[in-house]
């Protein structure tokens, strides 16, 4: 299954079987986690598969609302747009797991760096390093994965509807030719289903903004922005549209924060 197709079949799974994934398939998961790409190459983002799910159950305690046999913990240092980048690569991992027949679910992460040091290898930063704080890696997101309970379906029916805003609700002044691309964005999951993204079309592409998030979900909102951008990116590649992501002096918009500009490459 291609990533583009996985977007339409994938759904969040919150009830898992205790059955563990076989070692050969876990090897595939490890390979995916070791081969990630993100937008800001100055960041240090790592994807850690946690095969012993009980470690996460113990650390999260009562906050562990989704108990799965396995998890993925994504860590990063706190550089520019680090949470958006976490969402961007995390969603690609999720769609690749979907293509392998593995169920997944994004989870909010309240873990601290010290919580995971016993079972996740993080870079050691010298105490005297002046940039130590900016280099330290922290857990930013958790993804549950495994097999769904027997009563639960692994995939969404392609004909089933999704609980999402319509394209016209999260995009402005958009040329009709972009409708199919933004329909793929509409399928993007967001933590607590906030759907914080807004796309503004211009002659060369889009300016992407984040709606002002509610209190206590500011980090999750930024991760969700990266998830939406990954869906946009996959849709463009499927339609052979070349795009470039950049920061520009964008227009200020009330109640929204500028995130990224999508510049569509055109043949000279």
C-alpha atoms as a PDB file:
ATOM      1  CA  UNK A   1       0.000   0.000   0.000  1.00  0.00           C
ATOM      2  CA  UNK A   2       1.373   3.425  -0.967  1.00  0.00           C
ATOM      3  CA  UNK A   3       1.427   6.250   1.608  1.00  0.00           C
ATOM      4  CA  UNK A   4      -1.192   8.152  -0.396  1.00  0.00           C
ATOM      5  CA  UNK A   5      -3.622   5.220  -0.183  1.00  0.00           C
ATOM      6  CA  UNK A   6      -2.823   4.663   3.486  1.00  0.00           C
ATOM      7  CA  UNK A   7      -4.167   8.158   4.249  1.00  0.00           C
ATOM      8  CA  UNK A   8      -7.684   7.080   3.294  1.00  0.00           C
ATOM      9  CA  UNK A   9      -7.615   3.664   4.966  1.00  0.00           C
ATOM     10  CA  UNK A  10      -5.853   4.599   8.187  1.00  0.00           C
ATOM     11  CA  UNK A  11      -7.820   5.311  11.349  1.00  0.00           C
ATOM     12  CA  UNK A  12      -6.872   5.855  14.983  1.00  0.00           C
ATOM     13  CA  UNK A  13      -7.042   2.673  17.058  1.00  0.00           C
ATOM     14  CA  UNK A  14      -7.558   3.088  20.779  1.00  0.00           C
ATOM     15  CA  UNK A  15      -8.267  -0.539  21.759  1.00  0.00           C
ATOM     16  CA  UNK A  16      -5.463  -3.057  21.203  1.00  0.00           C
ATOM     17  CA  UNK A  17      -4.997  -6.792  21.436  1.00  0.00           C
ATOM     18  CA  UNK A  18      -2.279  -8.007  23.802  1.00  0.00           C
ATOM     19  CA  UNK A  19      -0.764  -9.911  20.881  1.00  0.00           C
ATOM     20  CA  UNK A  20       2.740  -8.689  20.169  1.00  0.00           C
ATOM     21  CA  UNK A  21       4.057  -8.019  16.694  1.00  0.00           C
ATOM     22  CA  UNK A  22       6.387 -10.728  15.389  1.00  0.00           C
ATOM     23  CA  UNK A  23      10.120 -10.076  15.380  1.00  0.00           C
ATOM     24  CA  UNK A  24      10.425  -9.919  11.579  1.00  0.00           C
ATOM     25  CA  UNK A  25       7.822  -7.156  11.429  1.00  0.00           C
ATOM     26  CA  UNK A  26       9.353  -5.351  14.408  1.00  0.00           C
ATOM     27  CA  UNK A  27      12.596  -5.306  12.409  1.00  0.00           C
ATOM     28  CA  UNK A  28      10.725  -3.440   9.667  1.00  0.00           C
ATOM     29  CA  UNK A  29       9.458  -0.956  12.255  1.00  0.00           C
ATOM     30  CA  UNK A  30      12.996  -0.408  13.540  1.00  0.00           C
ATOM     31  CA  UNK A  31      14.146   0.249   9.994  1.00  0.00           C
ATOM     32  CA  UNK A  32      11.436   2.849   9.440  1.00  0.00           C
ATOM     33  CA  UNK A  33      12.331   4.580  12.699  1.00  0.00           C
ATOM     34  CA  UNK A  34      16.002   4.747  11.744  1.00  0.00           C
ATOM     35  CA  UNK A  35      15.280   6.375   8.393  1.00  0.00           C
ATOM     36  CA  UNK A  36      13.439   9.664   8.929  1.00  0.00           C
ATOM     37  CA  UNK A  37      13.574  13.036   7.183  1.00  0.00           C
ATOM     38  CA  UNK A  38      12.279  16.363   8.420  1.00  0.00           C
ATOM     39  CA  UNK A  39      12.189  19.990   7.346  1.00  0.00           C
ATOM     40  CA  UNK A  40      14.608  21.692   9.742  1.00  0.00           C
ATOM     41  CA  UNK A  41      17.907  19.825   9.433  1.00  0.00           C
ATOM     42  CA  UNK A  42      19.328  21.777  12.377  1.00  0.00           C
ATOM     43  CA  UNK A  43      17.138  19.726  14.684  1.00  0.00           C
ATOM     44  CA  UNK A  44      18.065  16.392  16.236  1.00  0.00           C
ATOM     45  CA  UNK A  45      14.886  14.320  16.026  1.00  0.00           C
ATOM     46  CA  UNK A  46      14.918  10.593  16.768  1.00  0.00           C
ATOM     47  CA  UNK A  47      12.204   7.956  16.613  1.00  0.00           C
ATOM     48  CA  UNK A  48      12.442   5.226  19.263  1.00  0.00           C
ATOM     49  CA  UNK A  49      10.348   2.025  19.020  1.00  0.00           C
ATOM     50  CA  UNK A  50       9.508   0.749  22.514  1.00  0.00           C
ATOM     51  CA  UNK A  51       8.762  -2.965  22.242  1.00  0.00           C
ATOM     52  CA  UNK A  52       7.960  -3.429  25.942  1.00  0.00           C
ATOM     53  CA  UNK A  53       4.759  -1.435  26.182  1.00  0.00           C
ATOM     54  CA  UNK A  54       4.498  -1.884  29.950  1.00  0.00           C
ATOM     55  CA  UNK A  55       7.332   0.653  30.341  1.00  0.00           C
ATOM     56  CA  UNK A  56       5.108   3.362  28.908  1.00  0.00           C
ATOM     57  CA  UNK A  57       2.089   2.129  30.891  1.00  0.00           C
ATOM     58  CA  UNK A  58       4.090   2.480  34.101  1.00  0.00           C
ATOM     59  CA  UNK A  59       5.469   5.939  33.325  1.00  0.00           C
ATOM     60  CA  UNK A  60       2.154   7.396  32.167  1.00  0.00           C
ATOM     61  CA  UNK A  61       0.133   5.831  34.965  1.00  0.00           C
ATOM     62  CA  UNK A  62      -3.527   6.886  34.964  1.00  0.00           C
ATOM     63  CA  UNK A  63      -2.818   9.174  32.008  1.00  0.00           C
ATOM     64  CA  UNK A  64      -2.226   6.128  29.811  1.00  0.00           C
ATOM     65  CA  UNK A  65      -5.652   6.040  28.157  1.00  0.00           C
ATOM     66  CA  UNK A  66      -4.534   3.793  25.292  1.00  0.00           C
ATOM     67  CA  UNK A  67      -2.779   0.573  26.290  1.00  0.00           C
ATOM     68  CA  UNK A  68      -0.941  -1.046  23.417  1.00  0.00           C
ATOM     69  CA  UNK A  69       1.714  -3.778  23.294  1.00  0.00           C
ATOM     70  CA  UNK A  70       4.194  -1.361  21.686  1.00  0.00           C
ATOM     71  CA  UNK A  71       4.849   2.370  21.426  1.00  0.00           C
ATOM     72  CA  UNK A  72       7.030   4.830  19.593  1.00  0.00           C
ATOM     73  CA  UNK A  73       8.543   7.774  21.453  1.00  0.00           C
ATOM     74  CA  UNK A  74       9.740  10.716  19.348  1.00  0.00           C
ATOM     75  CA  UNK A  75      12.427  12.901  20.892  1.00  0.00           C
ATOM     76  CA  UNK A  76      13.869  16.224  19.763  1.00  0.00           C
ATOM     77  CA  UNK A  77      15.899  19.166  20.924  1.00  0.00           C
ATOM     78  CA  UNK A  78      14.005  22.448  21.199  1.00  0.00           C
ATOM     79  CA  UNK A  79      14.933  24.231  17.979  1.00  0.00           C
ATOM     80  CA  UNK A  80      12.838  26.189  15.473  1.00  0.00           C
ATOM     81  CA  UNK A  81       9.514  24.487  14.681  1.00  0.00           C
ATOM     82  CA  UNK A  82      10.653  21.319  16.441  1.00  0.00           C
ATOM     83  CA  UNK A  83       7.132  20.205  17.341  1.00  0.00           C
ATOM     84  CA  UNK A  84       5.859  20.765  13.803  1.00  0.00           C
ATOM     85  CA  UNK A  85       8.781  18.684  12.544  1.00  0.00           C
ATOM     86  CA  UNK A  86       7.906  15.948  15.046  1.00  0.00           C
ATOM     87  CA  UNK A  87       4.379  15.826  13.625  1.00  0.00           C
ATOM     88  CA  UNK A  88       5.705  15.822  10.065  1.00  0.00           C
ATOM     89  CA  UNK A  89       7.909  12.770  10.496  1.00  0.00           C
ATOM     90  CA  UNK A  90       5.616  11.018  12.980  1.00  0.00           C
ATOM     91  CA  UNK A  91       2.727  11.005  10.523  1.00  0.00           C
ATOM     92  CA  UNK A  92       4.945   9.481   7.838  1.00  0.00           C
ATOM     93  CA  UNK A  93       5.908   6.702  10.258  1.00  0.00           C
ATOM     94  CA  UNK A  94       2.241   6.134  11.078  1.00  0.00           C
ATOM     95  CA  UNK A  95       1.251   5.850   7.417  1.00  0.00           C
ATOM     96  CA  UNK A  96       4.117   3.448   6.768  1.00  0.00           C
ATOM     97  CA  UNK A  97       2.953   1.322   9.696  1.00  0.00           C
ATOM     98  CA  UNK A  98      -0.553   1.392   8.237  1.00  0.00           C
ATOM     99  CA  UNK A  99       0.840   0.057   4.960  1.00  0.00           C
ATOM    100  CA  UNK A 100       2.363  -2.834   6.963  1.00  0.00           C
ATOM    101  CA  UNK A 101      -1.029  -3.707   8.473  1.00  0.00           C
ATOM    102  CA  UNK A 102      -0.267  -2.210  11.895  1.00  0.00           C
ATOM    103  CA  UNK A 103      -2.763  -0.139  13.895  1.00  0.00           C
ATOM    104  CA  UNK A 104      -1.665   3.198  15.372  1.00  0.00           C
ATOM    105  CA  UNK A 105      -2.776   6.115  17.508  1.00  0.00           C
ATOM    106  CA  UNK A 106      -1.205   9.520  18.265  1.00  0.00           C
ATOM    107  CA  UNK A 107      -0.965  10.194  22.016  1.00  0.00           C
ATOM    108  CA  UNK A 108      -0.203  13.334  23.974  1.00  0.00           C
ATOM    109  CA  UNK A 109       3.156  13.158  25.715  1.00  0.00           C
ATOM    110  CA  UNK A 110       3.695  14.344  29.283  1.00  0.00           C
ATOM    111  CA  UNK A 111       6.910  12.384  29.814  1.00  0.00           C
ATOM    112  CA  UNK A 112      10.098  14.149  30.875  1.00  0.00           C
ATOM    113  CA  UNK A 113      13.650  13.536  29.692  1.00  0.00           C
ATOM    114  CA  UNK A 114      14.615  11.879  32.984  1.00  0.00           C
ATOM    115  CA  UNK A 115      11.667   9.467  32.697  1.00  0.00           C
ATOM    116  CA  UNK A 116      13.041   7.728  29.624  1.00  0.00           C
ATOM    117  CA  UNK A 117      16.809   7.725  30.198  1.00  0.00           C
ATOM    118  CA  UNK A 118      16.816   4.148  31.533  1.00  0.00           C
ATOM    119  CA  UNK A 119      15.526   2.616  28.296  1.00  0.00           C
ATOM    120  CA  UNK A 120      16.169   5.216  25.548  1.00  0.00           C
ATOM    121  CA  UNK A 121      19.655   6.300  24.531  1.00  0.00           C
ATOM    122  CA  UNK A 122      19.888  10.071  24.219  1.00  0.00           C
ATOM    123  CA  UNK A 123      22.920  12.138  23.309  1.00  0.00           C
ATOM    124  CA  UNK A 124      25.080  13.139  26.260  1.00  0.00           C
ATOM    125  CA  UNK A 125      25.689  16.894  26.362  1.00  0.00           C
ATOM    126  CA  UNK A 126      28.576  18.290  28.383  1.00  0.00           C
ATOM    127  CA  UNK A 127      27.433  20.201  31.453  1.00  0.00           C
ATOM    128  CA  UNK A 128      29.750  23.070  30.497  1.00  0.00           C
ATOM    129  CA  UNK A 129      28.440  23.361  26.941  1.00  0.00           C
ATOM    130  CA  UNK A 130      27.008  26.890  26.557  1.00  0.00           C
ATOM    131  CA  UNK A 131      24.341  25.558  24.155  1.00  0.00           C
ATOM    132  CA  UNK A 132      23.459  22.583  26.349  1.00  0.00           C
ATOM    133  CA  UNK A 133      19.812  23.514  26.830  1.00  0.00           C
ATOM    134  CA  UNK A 134      19.204  23.888  23.102  1.00  0.00           C
ATOM    135  CA  UNK A 135      20.889  20.542  22.389  1.00  0.00           C
ATOM    136  CA  UNK A 136      19.125  18.418  25.004  1.00  0.00           C
ATOM    137  CA  UNK A 137      16.620  15.941  23.571  1.00  0.00           C
ATOM    138  CA  UNK A 138      13.179  15.670  25.141  1.00  0.00           C
ATOM    139  CA  UNK A 139      10.234  13.300  24.551  1.00  0.00           C
ATOM    140  CA  UNK A 140       7.708  15.179  22.399  1.00  0.00           C
ATOM    141  CA  UNK A 141       5.163  12.632  21.157  1.00  0.00           C
ATOM    142  CA  UNK A 142       4.042   9.053  21.678  1.00  0.00           C
ATOM    143  CA  UNK A 143       2.495   6.736  19.097  1.00  0.00           C
ATOM    144  CA  UNK A 144       0.763   3.545  20.199  1.00  0.00           C
ATOM    145  CA  UNK A 145       0.974   0.635  17.785  1.00  0.00           C
ATOM    146  CA  UNK A 146       0.045  -3.021  17.541  1.00  0.00           C
ATOM    147  CA  UNK A 147      -2.960  -5.069  16.425  1.00  0.00           C
ATOM    148  CA  UNK A 148      -6.519  -3.924  17.160  1.00  0.00           C
ATOM    149  CA  UNK A 149      -8.838  -5.922  19.371  1.00  0.00           C
ATOM    150  CA  UNK A 150     -10.706  -8.651  17.514  1.00  0.00           C
ATOM    151  CA  UNK A 151     -13.895  -6.590  17.590  1.00  0.00           C
ATOM    152  CA  UNK A 152     -12.183  -3.603  15.964  1.00  0.00           C
ATOM    153  CA  UNK A 153     -11.414  -3.106  12.292  1.00  0.00           C
ATOM    154  CA  UNK A 154      -7.851  -2.309  11.263  1.00  0.00           C
ATOM    155  CA  UNK A 155      -8.782  -0.087   8.318  1.00  0.00           C
ATOM    156  CA  UNK A 156     -11.425   2.520   7.634  1.00  0.00           C
ATOM    157  CA  UNK A 157     -13.721   1.763   4.737  1.00  0.00           C
ATOM    158  CA  UNK A 158     -12.736   4.060   1.881  1.00  0.00           C
ATOM    159  CA  UNK A 159     -16.382   5.046   1.536  1.00  0.00           C
ATOM    160  CA  UNK A 160     -16.794   5.959   5.206  1.00  0.00           C
ATOM    161  CA  UNK A 161     -16.883   9.604   6.238  1.00  0.00           C
ATOM    162  CA  UNK A 162     -14.378  11.300   8.527  1.00  0.00           C
ATOM    163  CA  UNK A 163     -15.163  13.706  11.344  1.00  0.00           C
ATOM    164  CA  UNK A 164     -13.326  16.665   9.860  1.00  0.00           C
ATOM    165  CA  UNK A 165     -13.983  20.220   8.703  1.00  0.00           C
ATOM    166  CA  UNK A 166     -14.773  20.735   5.043  1.00  0.00           C
ATOM    167  CA  UNK A 167     -12.020  22.060   2.799  1.00  0.00           C
ATOM    168  CA  UNK A 168     -13.729  25.462   2.539  1.00  0.00           C
ATOM    169  CA  UNK A 169     -13.549  25.802   6.328  1.00  0.00           C
ATOM    170  CA  UNK A 170      -9.740  25.613   6.532  1.00  0.00           C
ATOM    171  CA  UNK A 171      -8.719  27.276   3.262  1.00  0.00           C
ATOM    172  CA  UNK A 172      -9.225  30.729   1.769  1.00  0.00           C
ATOM    173  CA  UNK A 173      -9.117  32.023  -1.809  1.00  0.00           C
ATOM    174  CA  UNK A 174      -8.157  28.593  -3.119  1.00  0.00           C
ATOM    175  CA  UNK A 175      -8.105  27.786  -6.822  1.00  0.00           C
ATOM    176  CA  UNK A 176     -10.250  24.760  -7.657  1.00  0.00           C
ATOM    177  CA  UNK A 177      -7.234  22.884  -9.005  1.00  0.00           C
ATOM    178  CA  UNK A 178      -6.091  22.467  -5.393  1.00  0.00           C
ATOM    179  CA  UNK A 179      -9.322  20.865  -4.180  1.00  0.00           C
ATOM    180  CA  UNK A 180      -8.050  17.274  -4.441  1.00  0.00           C
ATOM    181  CA  UNK A 181      -4.814  18.164  -2.628  1.00  0.00           C
ATOM    182  CA  UNK A 182      -6.628  19.848   0.259  1.00  0.00           C
ATOM    183  CA  UNK A 183      -9.098  16.962   0.452  1.00  0.00           C
ATOM    184  CA  UNK A 184      -6.116  14.795   1.428  1.00  0.00           C
ATOM    185  CA  UNK A 185      -5.215  17.355   4.115  1.00  0.00           C
ATOM    186  CA  UNK A 186      -8.788  17.061   5.402  1.00  0.00           C
ATOM    187  CA  UNK A 187      -8.020  13.463   6.390  1.00  0.00           C
ATOM    188  CA  UNK A 188      -5.119  14.556   8.597  1.00  0.00           C
ATOM    189  CA  UNK A 189      -5.587  13.541  12.239  1.00  0.00           C
ATOM    190  CA  UNK A 190      -5.057  16.121  14.951  1.00  0.00           C
ATOM    191  CA  UNK A 191      -4.752  15.690  18.674  1.00  0.00           C
ATOM    192  CA  UNK A 192      -8.218  16.166  20.223  1.00  0.00           C
ATOM    193  CA  UNK A 193      -9.415  16.685  16.631  1.00  0.00           C
ATOM    194  CA  UNK A 194      -8.644  20.407  16.875  1.00  0.00           C
ATOM    195  CA  UNK A 195      -7.696  20.763  13.166  1.00  0.00           C
ATOM    196  CA  UNK A 196      -5.732  23.990  13.789  1.00  0.00           C
ATOM    197  CA  UNK A 197      -4.535  24.602  10.206  1.00  0.00           C
ATOM    198  CA  UNK A 198      -5.538  27.333   7.754  1.00  0.00           C
ATOM    199  CA  UNK A 199      -4.305  27.480   4.140  1.00  0.00           C
ATOM    200  CA  UNK A 200      -4.229  30.771   2.230  1.00  0.00           C
ATOM    201  CA  UNK A 201      -3.661  30.457  -1.517  1.00  0.00           C
ATOM    202  CA  UNK A 202      -1.675  32.955  -3.617  1.00  0.00           C
ATOM    203  CA  UNK A 203      -0.126  32.955  -7.100  1.00  0.00           C
ATOM    204  CA  UNK A 204       2.785  30.678  -6.211  1.00  0.00           C
ATOM    205  CA  UNK A 205       1.338  28.410  -3.566  1.00  0.00           C
ATOM    206  CA  UNK A 206       0.120  28.619   0.021  1.00  0.00           C
ATOM    207  CA  UNK A 207       0.793  30.316   3.325  1.00  0.00           C
ATOM    208  CA  UNK A 208       0.021  27.967   6.198  1.00  0.00           C
ATOM    209  CA  UNK A 209      -1.179  29.385   9.535  1.00  0.00           C
ATOM    210  CA  UNK A 210      -2.055  27.891  12.906  1.00  0.00           C
ATOM    211  CA  UNK A 211      -5.276  28.909  14.622  1.00  0.00           C
ATOM    212  CA  UNK A 212      -4.807  30.088  18.186  1.00  0.00           C
ATOM    213  CA  UNK A 213      -4.922  26.915  20.304  1.00  0.00           C
ATOM    214  CA  UNK A 214      -6.841  26.419  23.510  1.00  0.00           C
ATOM    215  CA  UNK A 215      -4.904  26.487  26.760  1.00  0.00           C
ATOM    216  CA  UNK A 216      -2.860  23.394  27.646  1.00  0.00           C
ATOM    217  CA  UNK A 217      -2.807  22.006  24.094  1.00  0.00           C
ATOM    218  CA  UNK A 218      -0.346  24.474  22.560  1.00  0.00           C
ATOM    219  CA  UNK A 219       2.293  21.780  21.947  1.00  0.00           C
ATOM    220  CA  UNK A 220      -0.215  19.310  20.533  1.00  0.00           C
ATOM    221  CA  UNK A 221      -1.514  21.968  18.146  1.00  0.00           C
ATOM    222  CA  UNK A 222       1.955  22.484  16.686  1.00  0.00           C
ATOM    223  CA  UNK A 223       2.440  18.747  16.232  1.00  0.00           C
ATOM    224  CA  UNK A 224      -0.893  18.645  14.410  1.00  0.00           C
ATOM    225  CA  UNK A 225       0.339  21.372  12.047  1.00  0.00           C
ATOM    226  CA  UNK A 226       3.223  19.134  11.010  1.00  0.00           C
ATOM    227  CA  UNK A 227       0.830  16.234  10.466  1.00  0.00           C
ATOM    228  CA  UNK A 228      -1.290  18.336   8.088  1.00  0.00           C
ATOM    229  CA  UNK A 229       1.790  19.472   6.165  1.00  0.00           C
ATOM    230  CA  UNK A 230       2.865  15.838   5.697  1.00  0.00           C
ATOM    231  CA  UNK A 231      -0.546  15.040   4.164  1.00  0.00           C
ATOM    232  CA  UNK A 232      -0.164  18.040   1.865  1.00  0.00           C
ATOM    233  CA  UNK A 233       3.318  16.896   0.877  1.00  0.00           C
ATOM    234  CA  UNK A 234       2.199  13.335   0.087  1.00  0.00           C
ATOM    235  CA  UNK A 235      -0.742  14.618  -1.965  1.00  0.00           C
ATOM    236  CA  UNK A 236       1.533  16.889  -4.013  1.00  0.00           C
ATOM    237  CA  UNK A 237       3.965  14.068  -4.727  1.00  0.00           C
ATOM    238  CA  UNK A 238       1.092  11.830  -5.801  1.00  0.00           C
ATOM    239  CA  UNK A 239       0.039  14.525  -8.294  1.00  0.00           C
ATOM    240  CA  UNK A 240       3.638  15.184  -9.441  1.00  0.00           C
ATOM    241  CA  UNK A 241       3.567  18.727  -8.053  1.00  0.00           C
ATOM    242  CA  UNK A 242       6.987  19.937  -6.905  1.00  0.00           C
ATOM    243  CA  UNK A 243       6.911  22.173  -3.840  1.00  0.00           C
ATOM    244  CA  UNK A 244       9.437  23.919  -1.647  1.00  0.00           C
ATOM    245  CA  UNK A 245       8.909  24.915   1.974  1.00  0.00           C
ATOM    246  CA  UNK A 246      10.263  28.239   3.193  1.00  0.00           C
ATOM    247  CA  UNK A 247       9.815  31.052   5.698  1.00  0.00           C
ATOM    248  CA  UNK A 248       8.823  34.481   4.365  1.00  0.00           C
ATOM    249  CA  UNK A 249       7.558  37.810   5.696  1.00  0.00           C
ATOM    250  CA  UNK A 250       3.932  36.738   5.660  1.00  0.00           C
ATOM    251  CA  UNK A 251       0.869  38.829   6.366  1.00  0.00           C
ATOM    252  CA  UNK A 252      -0.263  38.995   9.984  1.00  0.00           C
ATOM    253  CA  UNK A 253      -3.690  37.468  10.529  1.00  0.00           C
ATOM    254  CA  UNK A 254      -5.894  37.976  13.577  1.00  0.00           C
ATOM    255  CA  UNK A 255      -6.023  34.930  15.844  1.00  0.00           C
ATOM    256  CA  UNK A 256      -3.571  32.962  13.699  1.00  0.00           C
ATOM    257  CA  UNK A 257       0.177  32.347  13.729  1.00  0.00           C
ATOM    258  CA  UNK A 258       2.240  31.997  10.576  1.00  0.00           C
ATOM    259  CA  UNK A 259       3.989  28.640  10.200  1.00  0.00           C
ATOM    260  CA  UNK A 260       5.215  27.941   6.677  1.00  0.00           C
ATOM    261  CA  UNK A 261       4.981  28.974   3.035  1.00  0.00           C
ATOM    262  CA  UNK A 262       4.560  26.364   0.313  1.00  0.00           C
ATOM    263  CA  UNK A 263       6.168  27.555  -2.901  1.00  0.00           C
ATOM    264  CA  UNK A 264       5.040  25.602  -5.955  1.00  0.00           C
ATOM    265  CA  UNK A 265       7.810  25.133  -8.493  1.00  0.00           C
ATOM    266  CA  UNK A 266       6.853  26.036 -12.039  1.00  0.00           C
ATOM    267  CA  UNK A 267       8.667  25.171 -15.236  1.00  0.00           C
ATOM    268  CA  UNK A 268      10.495  28.117 -16.769  1.00  0.00           C
END
